[in-house]
Each structure stands twice: as structure tokens, then as C-alpha cells.
């Protein structure tokens, strides 16, 4: 597998936690990070199920999602629900990485 599912222009990224590089991302434990380029409030149920199947099949991997247009409170609630959904599918909830928008 490639190191990163999707790369993007780092100068255009308005999210916290971005390293500022368009190079493929790997963390210290060589976990593959799938950068889904999707907002948590827009991911469709079938797409989410596909991502969970991919995560389950790839072992040491994570998915990176972004905060959508929802409020921070709504976003955190949605992330909790997505983590529960992942756990129910046999994927640890801590394998979800969610970036928060930077206030402008």
C-alpha cells in the first residue's frame, strides 16, 4: 500500500495537525494513514462501511477525516458516534484521526 491514500496542497490546508508537507504521511510506528479528504458530516453510510472494511483488512492503519461545517460540539458528538460504529465493526475507535478546522 502507498503511505497515504491522498495527498494535497499543504498551503491550502485549513486544518490543525497538518505537518505542512505534501509528502506521504507515516507516524512513528509505520502505521498507514488513509487521508480520506472527507468531512465527518458528509461521509455517506456506504462509504463509511467501505472505509471500515479497509481499516479492518489493513491491520495497522488509520483513517484521517476532517471537521465539516457543523459546530465543534456537533462534530465531537459525530466523532463519538463514528468511533462507536468502528468499534461495532471490529475496528478500534482510536484508529480514527480527525482534524479540526482552524478558526479564521
Protein backbone atom coordinates (compact mmCIF):
# COMPACT_ATOMS: atom_id res chain seq x y z
CA UNK A 1 0.00 0.00 0.00
CA UNK A 2 1.13 3.57 -0.55
CA UNK A 3 1.90 5.58 2.57
CA UNK A 4 -1.05 7.91 2.08
CA UNK A 5 -4.33 7.47 0.21
CA UNK A 6 -4.45 11.07 -0.96
CA UNK A 7 -2.03 13.98 -0.95
CA UNK A 8 -2.96 17.63 -1.27
CA UNK A 9 -1.55 21.14 -1.46
CA UNK A 10 -0.27 21.88 2.04
CA UNK A 11 -0.61 25.66 1.61
CA UNK A 12 -4.37 25.28 1.11
CA UNK A 13 -4.98 23.02 4.12
CA UNK A 14 -7.01 24.88 6.81
CA UNK A 15 -6.82 22.10 9.42
CA UNK A 16 -4.92 21.73 12.67
CA UNK A 17 -2.47 18.86 12.93
CA UNK A 18 -1.24 19.14 9.37
CA UNK A 19 2.55 18.77 9.14
CA UNK A 20 2.85 21.25 6.26
CA UNK A 21 4.16 18.77 3.71
CA UNK A 22 2.59 17.06 0.73
CA UNK A 23 4.89 14.06 1.24
CA UNK A 24 3.22 10.77 2.20
CA UNK A 25 2.48 10.65 5.91
CA UNK A 26 3.67 7.96 8.30
CA UNK A 27 3.67 8.13 12.06
CA UNK A 28 6.41 6.73 14.30
CA UNK A 29 5.03 3.17 14.31
CA UNK A 30 4.81 2.96 10.48
CA UNK A 31 1.04 2.92 10.51
CA UNK A 32 -0.55 3.59 7.13
CA UNK A 33 -2.77 6.67 7.26
CA UNK A 34 -5.58 6.88 4.72
CA UNK A 35 -6.24 10.58 4.20
CA UNK A 36 -9.88 10.35 3.18
CA UNK A 37 -10.26 14.06 2.34
CA UNK A 38 -13.85 13.93 3.58
CA UNK A 39 -15.69 15.91 6.22
CA UNK A 40 -17.22 13.91 9.04
CA UNK A 41 -20.66 15.42 8.46
CA UNK A 42 -20.68 14.45 4.76
CA UNK A 43 -19.49 10.87 4.73
CA UNK A 44 -22.19 8.57 3.44
CA UNK A 45 -23.08 5.37 5.34
CA UNK A 46 -21.97 3.08 2.49
CA UNK A 47 -18.66 4.93 2.16
CA UNK A 48 -18.12 4.68 5.92
CA UNK A 49 -18.77 0.93 5.82
CA UNK A 50 -16.22 0.61 2.99
CA UNK A 51 -13.63 2.53 4.98
CA UNK A 52 -14.26 0.29 7.98
CA UNK A 53 -13.75 -2.80 5.82
CA UNK A 54 -10.48 -1.32 4.50
CA UNK A 55 -9.28 -0.49 8.02
CA UNK A 56 -10.17 -3.94 9.28
CA UNK A 57 -8.36 -5.60 6.38
CA UNK A 58 -5.21 -3.49 6.66
CA UNK A 59 -4.40 -4.05 10.35
CA UNK A 60 -2.08 -1.23 11.39
CA UNK A 61 -3.84 1.61 9.59
CA UNK A 62 -5.81 4.73 10.42
CA UNK A 63 -8.21 6.99 8.57
CA UNK A 64 -7.91 10.77 8.66
CA UNK A 65 -11.13 12.78 8.41
CA UNK A 66 -11.89 16.50 8.69
CA UNK A 67 -14.40 18.58 10.61
CA UNK A 68 -17.23 19.66 8.37
CA UNK A 69 -19.45 22.72 8.52
CA UNK A 70 -21.03 21.57 11.77
CA UNK A 71 -20.26 23.19 15.13
CA UNK A 72 -17.44 21.83 17.26
CA UNK A 73 -19.98 20.34 19.70
CA UNK A 74 -21.91 18.62 16.87
CA UNK A 75 -18.64 17.48 15.34
CA UNK A 76 -17.38 15.89 18.58
CA UNK A 77 -20.71 14.11 19.03
CA UNK A 78 -20.50 12.78 15.47
CA UNK A 79 -16.92 11.59 16.04
CA UNK A 80 -18.06 9.70 19.17
CA UNK A 81 -20.79 8.00 17.12
CA UNK A 82 -18.33 7.14 14.35
CA UNK A 83 -15.94 5.65 16.93
CA UNK A 84 -18.77 3.52 18.34
CA UNK A 85 -19.63 2.41 14.80
CA UNK A 86 -15.99 1.49 14.18
CA UNK A 87 -15.81 -0.49 17.43
CA UNK A 88 -19.00 -2.37 16.48
CA UNK A 89 -17.36 -3.27 13.15
CA UNK A 90 -14.26 -4.61 14.90
CA UNK A 91 -12.06 -1.54 14.30
CA UNK A 92 -10.62 0.29 17.32
CA UNK A 93 -12.04 3.80 17.65
CA UNK A 94 -8.55 5.25 18.15
CA UNK A 95 -7.80 4.41 14.51
CA UNK A 96 -9.84 7.48 13.51
CA UNK A 97 -7.82 10.69 13.21
CA UNK A 98 -9.99 13.76 12.97
CA UNK A 99 -8.62 17.19 12.16
CA UNK A 100 -10.39 20.26 13.49
CA UNK A 101 -10.84 23.42 11.42
CA UNK A 102 -8.69 26.39 12.29
CA UNK A 103 -10.81 29.40 13.23
CA UNK A 104 -10.19 32.26 10.83
